[in-house]
Structure formats: C-alpha cells, structure tokens
Amino acid sequence: MERWQVVTVVVAGYLLLTLLIGLFAGRRVSASVAGYVAADRQFGLLAQYFVTGAMIFSAFAFLGGPGWAYAQGAAVFYILSYGVLGIAPWYVLGPKAGRLGRRLGFVTQAQLVAGRFPSRSLSLLLALLSVAAFVPYIMLQMSGAGIVFRAVTDGHVPFWLGAAVSYLVVLVYVLFGGVAAVGWTNVFQGIIMMSVAWGLGLYIPIHLYGGVGAMFERIADARPELLTLPGLNAGGEPWSWGAYSSAILASALGFTLWPHLFMKSYTSRDDDTLRRTVILFPTFQLFLIPIFLVGFAGVLYPSPPEAPDFIMPHMILQTGLPALVVGLFCAGALSASMSTGDALMHAAASIAVEDGVRPYVRLTDAQQRLLMRALVVVVGAVAYYFAIVQKQTLVFLLLTAYGLVDQLAPPVYAALFWKRATTPGVLAGLAAGIGADLFFFWQRDLRPFDLHEGILGALANTLVLVVVSLFTAPQPEAHATVYVEPEEEAAGATVEAVA
C-alpha cells in the first residue's frame, strides 16, 4: 500500500470516530431548541475548556500560523499576544452573559443585546452581521481541510474533495447533534490537536537543525529580518507598527465577541465553570509555540512549499516520517479545522433563525429546529463555494472577519455596563461602525497610521453610539438595571420583550 493510501485510511478512521462521537453526544440532550442550541446548559469544565480552545484555534492556527512564521517571521507573534489579551474580558463577560441567559432564556448573543435594546430591526441587523462574519471564517476552515488532504495525499485527493469530505462529516453531526455534538467532538479534536502539535513541533527542529536554539541561530545569520519585530507584511515588506499593533487590538477586541463563542456562555453549568475556563485557557494556547516552530523550520529548507499556508504539511512530508505519523498529522490539522467549523456552522444557523426569523415569524419548537438544520446546509454550501474560488491566505481571511466582529463590541458592552445607552444609539453606532469598517477595508491606502479597519470601525461605532444615546430618551431604570447591575440588585425588575 502506498503512503498516500495509508494516510487516507488513517484519516478515514479519524473522520468515522469523530462522526460517531458527535452522533452519540447529540442523543444525550433534549430535542428542544435549548437542547440543540445550548446543550440544556449542562457543559462542565472539561467540555468548556476544550470547546473554547479547539473552537478558537482552527485551521488558521494549525496552517495559517506556520505559514506566517515561514513568510512573515516575527509578525506571527501577534497571534500569541491577542489571545492572552482577548480572553481576559471573558472572566467578567462570560459569567454575566451566562447568568442572564439562564434567567431570561437567551441562547444567542443578539437575544441579549436586543433584550436590552428592544428592536426587531436590531435583532435582524445583528443576525446579518454575525452570519457575514462567519462566512470568511468557515471558508478558512474548509480551505485548511482541503490544503491538508491535497498535500498529504500527493494530490490524489484534490483540494475541493478534501474540503467536501471533511465538512460532510461536520454537516451530519451538527445536523443531528447540535451544540452537544460540537462540544464533545471538540474535546476529542482538541486532544488530538495538542498531541500532534507538540510532537511534530519539537521533532522537526531537532531533526533538521539539532535543536530549537540552533535553528534560530541559523535564521538570525541568514534571514535576520524575520526575527525582528514587527516582521513582514503579506507583501514581504516590513510590517508597520501601526498595522501590527492594531491587528493585535482588533483581534483582542473581537476575541470573545464572536457570536459562536459568546453562545457557549449559555451552555455552561454555572459561572465558576466559565471563570475556571478563562484561567486555564492560556495552557491551551501554548500549543501555538510548537506550531510556529515548524514554520520557522521551513525558512532555510532548500525546497519551498507551493504557498506559505502549505509549509506545515510540506515539512511533514519532507522529513521522511512514517505514513502513520503523516496520517496522524492530517487528523490533527483536520481537528483544528473541524473543531471550529462545526461551531461556526451551528452558530450561523442558530443565529439566523433565532435572531433573523423568529422576531418576525411565529415558529413552533420543531419548526425552529428544522429551519436551523436547513440553514446549516445552506451556510455550509455558500462557504464551500467561496472557499474553492478564493485565493487569500488563511490569516488574511481571519483578520478580515475580525473587522466585522469588532462592531459587536460597543453594543454588547453598552448592554451590560452602561445604563444610559439607548436603542437608537446602538442602531446608529452599528450602522456607522459597519460602514467605516467596509470603507477602510476597500480603501486600505486611506487608513490613518495603517490601523486595522476593525479598530477604525469600532471607534466610529462607539462615538456615534454615545452621542446618539445622550441625545435620545433614556430607557426605564428598572429595565436597564436587569442587565447592568448584579443579579441580586436586579431581583424583581421587569424585562421588555423585543418590539
């Protein structure tokens, strides 16, 4: 049996096991919308730890991260920086959102925001914004799966087929298992990701250079620009400090505002579980270090990859590892891709129904679940199409998505921490923020100080939200208190329904 065939058999076994875990997990929750979207709010620390880590670190980390280390050098360290900064607010945000979800029945981020700022238009706008941000992120995951299959099978499994097969498995267990399937497959996939990353990340520098220190000494002599902050941009020119620092800030700002991550606060058993997850999260993030080492190991390797995002599988195949190990690497890379893609597809469908359809159309519980499943298929198909035709790097796709997600920060923080915020202020702020983000995305040369478009959009968003709120009538004190004040102070306060 040829090497690519052995690799394919190993990967097929991984995909089958993942499918079985997902289907089994889905049978352990109720058949209600709360069961499909929030797993009956029963996730403990183990599930939350791996759901958070595996869901965040995707094909972007496993393939895009080494690609940036290889081509952009020190620029890749922005990923480590924003992860540490971005998770910190979740220590406060997560428990507060989870508490409100348990009290008021929320299962999505937009339900919380539109609950504080009653407006069907706001609910629909948040749904559209969330799904729009999800599409490039899902594209990223599918691209990662296609890259891995194509590389490790020597092209026998083409890009389009590899992406299709892996996401067909995701589609099946998300359709039938909901967020419970997402959670428990993430536990399995997270363990594989971490094991493969540390094993290969330490082996390759030792095998090629005799050690990590020796590798960096040789890179410092031959390519010192790659080890000088802030590194290089996608065009191979020195990355400006404005672009580097604002990429960190844009990513950190949106880190815990991703709707699919925010929704996991509603799956948690209690507040302490969420806080412990935040404290433990940096231990998961450490797996990025060996991943980056593989990218740096390729800098001085004589044969270049087809593209920077291919450096990880390229180095695996060039170092003479047994077919079984190559298959396990493929499983690890697919774990990174699928453990995020499943959460995104599930969240996109759930948000579209809960926040985009249900405020306008009265649906039964069974109809909601059916429509969510149909939209899982639709969102997956749209993302798959664009994944096949797009040519951008994985890191670029994620940074693009963060620009839109950053616009969720002002309304969420206003809902939870500022009583004077009003519905017109939030709507006007969102319109200004989205407009500014899109303008500076298309007119990149006009960005002041080379700042990320997401930061510029968030600044416009916040300014307009504050000004319009101060010039419009405040909300009733009792209503705002439910969201802003601690639970014990808000006991007995009333909540308005979405108008």
Protein backbone atom coordinates (compact mmCIF):
# COMPACT_ATOMS: atom_id res chain seq x y z
CA MET A 1 0.00 0.00 0.00
CA GLU A 2 1.39 3.41 -1.00
CA ARG A 3 1.98 6.11 1.59
CA TRP A 4 -0.92 8.31 0.47
CA GLN A 5 -3.26 5.34 0.77
CA VAL A 6 -2.13 4.61 4.33
CA VAL A 7 -2.63 8.29 5.17
CA THR A 8 -6.12 8.20 3.68
CA VAL A 9 -7.06 5.12 5.73
CA VAL A 10 -5.85 6.78 8.96
CA VAL A 11 -7.80 9.93 8.18
CA ALA A 12 -10.91 7.94 7.27
CA GLY A 13 -10.71 6.25 10.68
CA TYR A 14 -10.42 9.62 12.39
CA LEU A 15 -13.42 11.02 10.49
CA LEU A 16 -15.53 7.98 11.32
CA LEU A 17 -14.67 8.17 15.03
CA THR A 18 -15.45 11.90 15.08
CA LEU A 19 -18.81 11.26 13.44
CA LEU A 20 -19.72 8.57 15.96
CA ILE A 21 -18.75 10.78 18.93
CA GLY A 22 -20.85 13.63 17.55
CA LEU A 23 -23.92 11.50 16.91
CA PHE A 24 -23.69 9.83 20.33
CA ALA A 25 -23.31 13.17 22.13
CA GLY A 26 -26.34 14.58 20.33
CA ARG A 27 -28.53 11.82 21.74
CA ARG A 28 -27.79 12.85 25.33
CA VAL A 29 -29.64 16.20 25.22
CA SER A 30 -33.30 17.08 24.84
CA ALA A 31 -35.00 17.53 21.47
CA SER A 32 -35.84 21.17 22.29
CA VAL A 33 -34.31 24.31 20.79
CA ALA A 34 -32.46 24.84 24.09
CA GLY A 35 -31.01 21.34 23.72
CA TYR A 36 -29.93 21.94 20.11
CA VAL A 37 -28.52 25.44 20.70
CA ALA A 38 -27.38 25.40 24.37
CA ALA A 39 -26.99 21.66 25.25
CA ASP A 40 -29.54 22.15 28.06
CA ARG A 41 -26.90 24.40 29.76
CA GLN A 42 -25.00 21.40 31.13
CA PHE A 43 -21.37 21.79 29.92
CA GLY A 44 -18.83 21.30 32.73
CA LEU A 45 -15.19 22.41 32.95
CA LEU A 46 -13.74 19.68 30.68
CA ALA A 47 -16.17 20.43 27.87
CA GLN A 48 -15.86 24.22 28.26
CA TYR A 49 -12.05 24.07 28.26
CA PHE A 50 -11.81 22.12 25.03
CA VAL A 51 -14.78 23.82 23.39
CA THR A 52 -13.17 27.22 24.00
CA GLY A 53 -9.66 26.19 22.94
CA ALA A 54 -10.46 23.93 20.00
CA MET A 55 -13.15 26.27 18.73
CA ILE A 56 -10.83 29.31 18.77
CA PHE A 57 -7.67 27.71 17.39
CA SER A 58 -8.61 26.49 13.97
CA ALA A 59 -7.01 25.86 10.59
CA PHE A 60 -5.88 29.46 10.96
CA ALA A 61 -3.56 28.41 13.80
CA PHE A 62 -2.55 24.97 12.52
CA LEU A 63 -1.81 26.04 8.93
CA GLY A 64 -2.00 29.84 8.72
CA GLY A 65 0.19 30.35 11.81
CA PRO A 66 3.14 28.29 10.48
CA GLY A 67 2.59 29.95 7.09
CA TRP A 68 3.07 33.38 8.64
CA ALA A 69 6.10 32.24 10.67
CA TYR A 70 7.63 30.97 7.42
CA ALA A 71 6.86 34.01 5.25
CA GLN A 72 6.36 36.91 7.69
CA GLY A 73 8.59 35.83 10.59
CA ALA A 74 8.13 37.71 13.87
CA ALA A 75 4.78 39.09 12.63
CA VAL A 76 3.26 35.77 13.67
CA PHE A 77 3.70 36.62 17.34
CA TYR A 78 0.69 38.91 17.12
CA ILE A 79 -1.38 35.72 17.47
CA LEU A 80 0.09 34.90 20.87
CA SER A 81 -0.42 38.49 22.00
CA TYR A 82 -4.07 38.87 21.12
CA GLY A 83 -5.07 35.50 22.58
CA VAL A 84 -3.79 36.47 26.02
CA LEU A 85 -5.38 39.93 25.87
CA GLY A 86 -8.62 38.82 24.27
CA ILE A 87 -9.62 36.09 26.74
CA ALA A 88 -9.28 38.32 29.83
CA PRO A 89 -12.63 40.18 29.47
CA TRP A 90 -14.43 36.82 29.31
CA TYR A 91 -13.78 36.39 33.04
CA VAL A 92 -16.43 39.08 33.57
CA LEU A 93 -18.42 38.94 30.33
CA GLY A 94 -18.90 35.17 30.25
CA PRO A 95 -20.48 34.68 33.70
CA LYS A 96 -22.62 37.81 33.32
CA ALA A 97 -23.97 36.71 29.93
CA GLY A 98 -24.45 33.13 31.17
CA ARG A 99 -26.37 34.35 34.23
CA LEU A 100 -28.69 36.47 32.08
CA GLY A 101 -29.18 33.56 29.70
CA ARG A 102 -30.23 31.23 32.49
CA ARG A 103 -32.59 33.83 34.00
CA LEU A 104 -34.15 35.16 30.81
CA GLY A 105 -33.86 32.20 28.43
CA PHE A 106 -31.31 33.66 25.99
CA VAL A 107 -29.45 31.26 23.69
CA THR A 108 -27.74 33.77 21.33
CA GLN A 109 -25.74 36.97 21.68
CA ALA A 110 -28.27 39.04 19.73
CA GLN A 111 -31.08 37.99 22.07
CA LEU A 112 -29.17 39.56 24.95
CA VAL A 113 -28.46 42.80 23.04
CA ALA A 114 -31.98 43.07 21.59
CA GLY A 115 -33.38 42.23 25.02
CA ARG A 116 -31.61 45.23 26.48
CA PHE A 117 -32.36 47.39 23.40
CA PRO A 118 -35.77 46.19 22.20
CA SER A 119 -35.90 46.29 18.41
CA ARG A 120 -36.63 43.68 15.78
CA SER A 121 -34.51 45.67 13.34
CA LEU A 122 -31.55 45.48 15.71
CA SER A 123 -32.03 41.73 16.08
CA LEU A 124 -32.06 41.29 12.29
CA LEU A 125 -29.02 43.54 11.83
CA LEU A 126 -27.03 41.57 14.40
CA ALA A 127 -28.02 38.31 12.73
CA LEU A 128 -26.87 39.56 9.32
CA LEU A 129 -23.62 40.93 10.74
CA SER A 130 -22.87 37.68 12.57
CA VAL A 131 -23.50 35.45 9.56
CA ALA A 132 -21.50 37.80 7.31
CA ALA A 133 -18.52 37.50 9.69
CA PHE A 134 -18.92 33.72 9.86
CA VAL A 135 -18.68 33.09 6.11
CA PRO A 136 -14.96 34.01 5.67
CA TYR A 137 -14.20 32.17 8.94
CA ILE A 138 -15.91 28.99 7.70
CA MET A 139 -14.15 29.44 4.35
CA LEU A 140 -10.87 29.47 6.27
CA GLN A 141 -11.69 26.12 7.91
CA MET A 142 -12.72 24.47 4.66
CA SER A 143 -9.62 25.79 2.90
CA GLY A 144 -7.47 24.31 5.67
CA ALA A 145 -9.08 20.90 5.27
CA GLY A 146 -8.59 21.00 1.50
CA ILE A 147 -4.95 22.04 1.81
CA VAL A 148 -4.18 19.19 4.20
CA PHE A 149 -5.84 16.48 2.11
CA ARG A 150 -4.21 17.66 -1.10
CA ALA A 151 -0.74 17.91 0.42
CA VAL A 152 -0.53 14.65 2.36
CA THR A 153 -2.05 12.51 -0.41
CA ASP A 154 0.32 13.92 -3.04
CA GLY A 155 -2.63 15.41 -4.89
CA HIS A 156 -4.59 12.15 -5.17
CA VAL A 157 -7.34 13.77 -3.07
CA PRO A 158 -7.80 17.24 -4.63
CA PHE A 159 -8.46 20.40 -2.63
CA TRP A 160 -12.19 20.51 -3.44
CA LEU A 161 -12.77 16.86 -2.49
CA GLY A 162 -10.82 17.03 0.78
CA ALA A 163 -12.81 20.07 1.90
CA ALA A 164 -16.08 18.44 0.84
CA VAL A 165 -15.48 15.11 2.60
CA SER A 166 -14.37 16.58 5.92
CA TYR A 167 -17.24 19.05 6.02
CA LEU A 168 -19.79 16.45 5.03
CA VAL A 169 -18.88 14.70 8.29
CA VAL A 170 -19.25 18.01 10.17
CA LEU A 171 -22.57 18.64 8.48
CA VAL A 172 -24.01 15.30 9.56
CA TYR A 173 -23.18 15.50 13.26
CA VAL A 174 -24.12 19.19 13.53
CA LEU A 175 -27.46 18.48 11.85
CA PHE A 176 -28.34 15.68 14.22
CA GLY A 177 -26.40 16.53 17.39
CA GLY A 178 -26.42 20.32 17.66
CA VAL A 179 -24.10 22.02 20.12
CA ALA A 180 -23.71 18.87 22.24
CA ALA A 181 -22.09 17.16 19.25
CA VAL A 182 -19.94 20.25 18.68
CA GLY A 183 -18.82 20.23 22.32
CA TRP A 184 -17.82 16.59 22.70
CA THR A 185 -16.18 16.30 19.28
CA ASN A 186 -14.18 19.40 20.29
CA VAL A 187 -12.90 17.53 23.35
CA PHE A 188 -11.68 14.67 21.14
CA GLN A 189 -10.31 17.01 18.46
CA GLY A 190 -8.61 19.28 20.98
CA ILE A 191 -6.68 16.37 22.50
CA ILE A 192 -5.50 15.30 19.03
CA MET A 193 -4.53 18.87 18.08
CA MET A 194 -2.37 19.38 21.16
CA SER A 195 -0.69 15.98 20.95
CA VAL A 196 0.19 16.32 17.26
CA ALA A 197 1.35 19.93 17.63
CA TRP A 198 3.80 19.26 20.46
CA GLY A 199 5.09 16.04 18.94
CA LEU A 200 5.84 17.43 15.48
CA GLY A 201 6.77 20.94 16.63
CA LEU A 202 9.64 19.64 18.75
CA TYR A 203 10.71 16.80 16.47
CA ILE A 204 11.22 18.75 13.22
CA PRO A 205 13.62 21.48 14.53
CA ILE A 206 15.66 18.80 16.33
CA HIS A 207 15.69 16.55 13.25
CA LEU A 208 16.72 19.33 10.82
CA TYR A 209 18.88 21.62 12.97
CA GLY A 210 19.81 19.73 16.10
CA GLY A 211 17.59 21.85 18.33
CA VAL A 212 15.36 24.90 18.55
CA GLY A 213 18.20 27.21 19.62
CA ALA A 214 20.45 26.09 16.79
CA MET A 215 17.60 26.67 14.30
CA PHE A 216 17.09 30.28 15.39
CA GLU A 217 20.84 30.96 15.36
CA ARG A 218 20.99 29.93 11.70
CA ILE A 219 17.91 32.01 10.82
CA ALA A 220 19.42 35.02 12.62
CA ASP A 221 22.51 34.74 10.41
CA ALA A 222 20.72 34.13 7.11
CA ARG A 223 17.36 35.96 7.48
CA PRO A 224 17.60 38.39 10.42
CA GLU A 225 14.63 40.44 9.16
CA LEU A 226 12.34 37.53 10.05
CA LEU A 227 13.32 37.73 13.72
CA THR A 228 12.91 41.49 14.05
CA LEU A 229 9.55 42.83 15.25
CA PRO A 230 7.10 43.57 13.83
CA GLY A 231 8.17 41.27 10.99
CA LEU A 232 6.98 41.41 7.38
CA ASN A 233 3.57 42.03 5.89
CA ALA A 234 1.83 39.83 3.30
CA GLY A 235 3.72 41.64 0.52
CA GLY A 236 7.11 40.81 2.01
CA GLU A 237 7.76 44.41 3.12
CA PRO A 238 8.38 45.43 6.77
CA TRP A 239 5.04 45.47 8.60
CA SER A 240 4.36 48.87 10.15
CA TRP A 241 3.96 49.17 13.91
CA GLY A 242 0.52 50.69 13.34
CA ALA A 243 -0.65 47.68 11.36
CA TYR A 244 0.96 45.18 13.76
CA SER A 245 -0.37 46.72 16.97
CA SER A 246 -3.84 47.36 15.56
CA ALA A 247 -4.02 43.76 14.29
CA ILE A 248 -3.45 42.70 17.91
CA LEU A 249 -6.05 45.16 19.20
CA ALA A 250 -8.64 44.30 16.53
CA SER A 251 -8.26 40.59 17.24
CA ALA A 252 -8.26 41.01 21.02
CA LEU A 253 -11.34 43.24 20.90
CA GLY A 254 -13.35 40.74 18.90
CA PHE A 255 -11.88 37.61 20.51
CA THR A 256 -14.69 36.92 22.99
CA LEU A 257 -17.33 38.76 20.94
CA TRP A 258 -17.50 36.05 18.28
CA PRO A 259 -21.17 35.01 18.47
CA HIS A 260 -20.36 31.29 18.46
CA LEU A 261 -18.02 31.72 21.45
CA PHE A 262 -20.41 34.08 23.21
CA MET A 263 -23.16 31.49 22.81
CA LYS A 264 -21.10 28.97 24.75
CA SER A 265 -21.64 31.05 27.89
CA TYR A 266 -25.23 29.79 27.70
CA THR A 267 -24.12 26.16 27.62
CA SER A 268 -22.17 26.38 30.87
CA ARG A 269 -23.40 24.71 34.02
CA ASP A 270 -22.54 27.72 36.23
CA ASP A 271 -20.46 30.90 36.48
CA ASP A 272 -17.48 29.27 38.18
CA THR A 273 -17.06 26.91 35.23
CA LEU A 274 -16.66 29.87 32.88
CA ARG A 275 -14.18 31.63 35.18
CA ARG A 276 -12.04 28.49 35.54
CA THR A 277 -12.06 28.12 31.75
CA VAL A 278 -10.63 31.63 31.37
CA ILE A 279 -7.90 30.91 33.93
CA LEU A 280 -6.93 27.64 32.21
CA PHE A 281 -7.20 28.90 28.63
CA PRO A 282 -3.56 30.08 28.30
CA THR A 283 -2.43 26.47 28.86
CA PHE A 284 -4.30 25.52 25.69
CA GLN A 285 -2.83 28.45 23.77
CA LEU A 286 0.69 27.17 24.43
CA PHE A 287 0.19 24.64 21.64
CA LEU A 288 0.80 27.52 19.19
CA ILE A 289 4.50 27.58 20.11
CA PRO A 290 5.46 24.22 18.54
CA ILE A 291 3.21 25.03 15.56
CA PHE A 292 5.18 28.22 14.90
CA LEU A 293 8.46 26.31 15.27
CA VAL A 294 7.51 24.15 12.28
CA GLY A 295 7.02 27.28 10.19
CA PHE A 296 10.38 28.72 11.22
CA ALA A 297 12.00 25.35 10.49
CA GLY A 298 10.98 25.75 6.85
CA VAL A 299 12.67 29.14 6.38
CA LEU A 300 16.07 27.69 5.42
CA TYR A 301 14.78 24.42 3.96
CA PRO A 302 16.02 24.09 0.35
CA SER A 303 12.67 23.21 -1.25
CA PRO A 304 9.88 25.80 -0.80
CA PRO A 305 6.20 24.93 -0.38
CA GLU A 306 3.60 25.67 -3.04
CA ALA A 307 2.33 28.55 -0.86
CA PRO A 308 3.11 29.69 2.70
CA ASP A 309 -0.04 28.05 4.09
CA PHE A 310 1.31 24.71 2.83
CA ILE A 311 4.50 24.86 4.92
CA MET A 312 3.26 22.62 7.74
CA PRO A 313 2.29 19.63 5.54
CA HIS A 314 5.30 20.35 3.29
CA MET A 315 7.72 19.96 6.20
CA ILE A 316 5.92 16.84 7.45
CA LEU A 317 6.28 15.17 4.07
CA GLN A 318 9.89 16.30 3.54
CA THR A 319 11.28 14.87 6.78
CA GLY A 320 10.68 11.20 5.98
CA LEU A 321 8.12 10.49 8.68
CA PRO A 322 6.23 7.18 8.51
CA ALA A 323 2.86 7.20 6.75
CA LEU A 324 1.08 6.53 10.05
CA VAL A 325 2.57 9.68 11.59
CA VAL A 326 1.67 11.69 8.50
CA GLY A 327 -1.88 10.39 8.84
CA LEU A 328 -1.97 11.47 12.48
CA PHE A 329 -0.74 14.93 11.48
CA CYS A 330 -3.54 15.10 8.94
CA ALA A 331 -6.01 14.13 11.67
CA GLY A 332 -4.60 16.87 13.91
CA ALA A 333 -4.88 19.50 11.19
CA LEU A 334 -8.42 18.40 10.37
CA SER A 335 -9.23 18.55 14.08
CA ALA A 336 -8.15 22.20 14.10
CA SER A 337 -10.31 22.92 11.08
CA MET A 338 -13.40 20.91 12.01
CA SER A 339 -13.50 21.85 15.70
CA THR A 340 -14.03 25.48 14.68
CA GLY A 341 -16.04 24.91 11.52
CA ASP A 342 -18.69 22.84 13.30
CA ALA A 343 -19.25 25.57 15.93
CA LEU A 344 -19.46 28.23 13.22
CA MET A 345 -21.96 26.37 11.06
CA HIS A 346 -24.12 25.55 14.07
CA ALA A 347 -23.99 29.12 15.37
CA ALA A 348 -24.69 30.69 11.96
CA ALA A 349 -27.86 28.63 11.51
CA SER A 350 -28.99 29.14 15.11
CA ILE A 351 -28.47 32.91 14.96
CA ALA A 352 -30.18 33.25 11.57
CA VAL A 353 -33.31 31.55 12.93
CA GLU A 354 -33.37 32.88 16.50
CA ASP A 355 -32.45 36.47 15.65
CA GLY A 356 -33.28 36.93 11.96
CA VAL A 357 -36.51 34.93 11.53
CA ARG A 358 -38.20 34.31 14.87
CA PRO A 359 -38.77 38.01 15.78
CA TYR A 360 -40.86 38.29 12.60
CA VAL A 361 -42.41 34.81 12.19
CA ARG A 362 -44.03 32.70 14.89
CA LEU A 363 -42.48 29.20 14.78
CA THR A 364 -43.02 26.06 16.81
CA ASP A 365 -40.07 24.40 18.52
CA ALA A 366 -40.00 21.67 15.86
CA GLN A 367 -40.12 24.23 13.03
CA GLN A 368 -37.19 26.15 14.52
CA ARG A 369 -35.04 23.05 14.71
CA LEU A 370 -35.96 22.07 11.14
CA LEU A 371 -35.13 25.53 9.80
CA MET A 372 -31.83 25.59 11.71
CA ARG A 373 -30.84 22.29 10.12
CA ALA A 374 -31.74 23.56 6.65
CA LEU A 375 -29.65 26.68 7.18
CA VAL A 376 -26.66 24.63 8.37
CA VAL A 377 -26.67 23.10 4.87
CA VAL A 378 -27.13 26.48 3.13
CA VAL A 379 -24.37 28.28 5.08
CA GLY A 380 -22.00 25.36 4.57
CA ALA A 381 -22.68 25.31 0.83
CA VAL A 382 -22.11 29.07 0.43
CA ALA A 383 -18.85 28.97 2.41
CA TYR A 384 -17.68 25.91 0.47
CA TYR A 385 -18.24 27.65 -2.86
CA PHE A 386 -16.21 30.70 -1.84
CA ALA A 387 -13.51 28.51 -0.26
CA ILE A 388 -12.98 26.84 -3.64
CA VAL A 389 -12.69 30.09 -5.61
CA GLN A 390 -10.87 32.41 -3.12
CA LYS A 391 -7.07 32.79 -3.18
CA GLN A 392 -6.35 34.70 0.06
CA THR A 393 -4.14 33.41 2.86
CA LEU A 394 -5.80 31.90 5.92
CA VAL A 395 -4.57 34.63 8.26
CA PHE A 396 -5.87 37.35 5.92
CA LEU A 397 -9.33 35.74 5.93
CA LEU A 398 -9.43 35.76 9.73
CA LEU A 399 -8.27 39.36 10.03
CA THR A 400 -10.99 40.33 7.54
CA ALA A 401 -13.65 38.59 9.62
CA TYR A 402 -12.41 40.30 12.79
CA GLY A 403 -13.18 43.70 11.28
CA LEU A 404 -16.90 42.87 11.28
CA VAL A 405 -16.88 41.11 14.66
CA ASP A 406 -15.30 44.16 16.29
CA GLN A 407 -18.52 46.07 15.58
CA LEU A 408 -20.31 43.81 18.07
CA ALA A 409 -18.19 45.11 20.97
CA PRO A 410 -19.83 48.54 21.52
CA PRO A 411 -23.44 47.23 21.67
CA VAL A 412 -22.52 44.27 23.90
CA TYR A 413 -20.51 46.35 26.36
CA ALA A 414 -23.18 49.05 26.34
CA ALA A 415 -25.89 46.47 27.05
CA LEU A 416 -24.06 45.08 30.06
CA PHE A 417 -22.29 48.12 31.54
CA TRP A 418 -23.93 51.44 30.53
CA LYS A 419 -27.46 52.25 31.69
CA ARG A 420 -27.67 55.43 29.60
CA ALA A 421 -27.29 53.61 26.27
CA THR A 422 -30.40 53.62 24.08
CA THR A 423 -31.76 51.60 21.18
CA PRO A 424 -31.37 54.44 18.62
CA GLY A 425 -27.78 54.93 19.80
CA VAL A 426 -26.91 51.27 19.31
CA LEU A 427 -28.54 51.12 15.86
CA ALA A 428 -26.81 54.31 14.70
CA GLY A 429 -23.48 53.14 16.12
CA LEU A 430 -23.68 49.79 14.33
CA ALA A 431 -24.50 51.47 11.03
CA ALA A 432 -21.55 53.85 11.41
CA GLY A 433 -19.16 51.09 12.51
CA ILE A 434 -20.05 48.68 9.71
CA GLY A 435 -19.86 51.49 7.16
CA ALA A 436 -16.42 52.63 8.37
CA ASP A 437 -15.09 49.06 8.50
CA LEU A 438 -16.17 48.31 4.93
CA PHE A 439 -14.92 51.66 3.64
CA PHE A 440 -11.43 51.21 5.06
CA PHE A 441 -11.37 47.56 4.00
CA TRP A 442 -11.82 48.58 0.37
CA GLN A 443 -9.77 51.79 0.68
CA ARG A 444 -6.80 50.44 2.61
CA ASP A 445 -4.47 53.25 1.50
CA LEU A 446 -6.65 55.78 3.33
CA ARG A 447 -6.34 54.14 6.76
CA PRO A 448 -4.70 56.59 9.21
CA PHE A 449 -1.46 55.25 10.72
CA ASP A 450 -2.10 51.97 8.84
CA LEU A 451 -4.66 50.97 11.50
CA HIS A 452 -6.83 47.88 11.06
CA GLU A 453 -10.25 48.69 9.61
CA GLY A 454 -11.97 46.93 12.51
CA ILE A 455 -10.46 49.36 15.02
CA LEU A 456 -11.45 52.36 12.90
CA GLY A 457 -14.98 50.99 12.61
CA ALA A 458 -15.23 50.32 16.36
CA LEU A 459 -14.10 53.89 17.13
CA ALA A 460 -16.78 55.32 14.84
CA ASN A 461 -19.30 52.87 16.28
CA THR A 462 -18.59 53.87 19.88
CA LEU A 463 -18.57 57.61 19.18
CA VAL A 464 -21.93 57.55 17.39
CA LEU A 465 -23.48 55.22 20.00
CA VAL A 466 -22.52 57.56 22.84
CA VAL A 467 -23.59 60.80 21.10
CA VAL A 468 -26.94 59.49 19.87
CA SER A 469 -27.70 57.82 23.22
CA LEU A 470 -27.10 61.09 25.09
CA PHE A 471 -29.49 62.92 22.74
CA THR A 472 -32.30 60.35 22.95
CA ALA A 473 -34.63 59.39 25.77
CA PRO A 474 -33.09 57.03 28.37
CA GLN A 475 -34.53 53.59 29.00
CA PRO A 476 -36.66 52.88 32.09
CA GLU A 477 -34.36 52.43 35.10
CA ALA A 478 -35.82 49.05 36.04
CA HIS A 479 -35.25 47.62 32.56
CA ALA A 480 -31.60 48.75 32.29
CA THR A 481 -30.89 47.56 35.85
CA VAL A 482 -31.63 43.93 34.91
CA TYR A 483 -28.62 43.93 32.56
CA VAL A 484 -26.17 46.33 34.18
CA GLU A 485 -26.49 45.70 37.91
CA PRO A 486 -25.55 42.49 39.77
CA GLU A 487 -28.29 39.87 39.84
CA GLU A 488 -29.18 40.37 43.48
CA GLU A 489 -29.80 44.09 42.91
CA ALA A 490 -31.91 43.43 39.85
CA ALA A 491 -34.26 40.93 41.52
CA GLY A 492 -37.84 41.69 40.65
CA ALA A 493 -37.02 44.05 37.78
CA THR A 494 -39.02 43.61 34.58
CA VAL A 495 -37.76 42.95 31.10
CA GLU A 496 -39.31 44.29 27.93
CA ALA A 497 -39.93 41.93 25.05
CA VAL A 498 -38.39 42.65 21.66
CA ALA A 499 -40.75 45.07 19.94
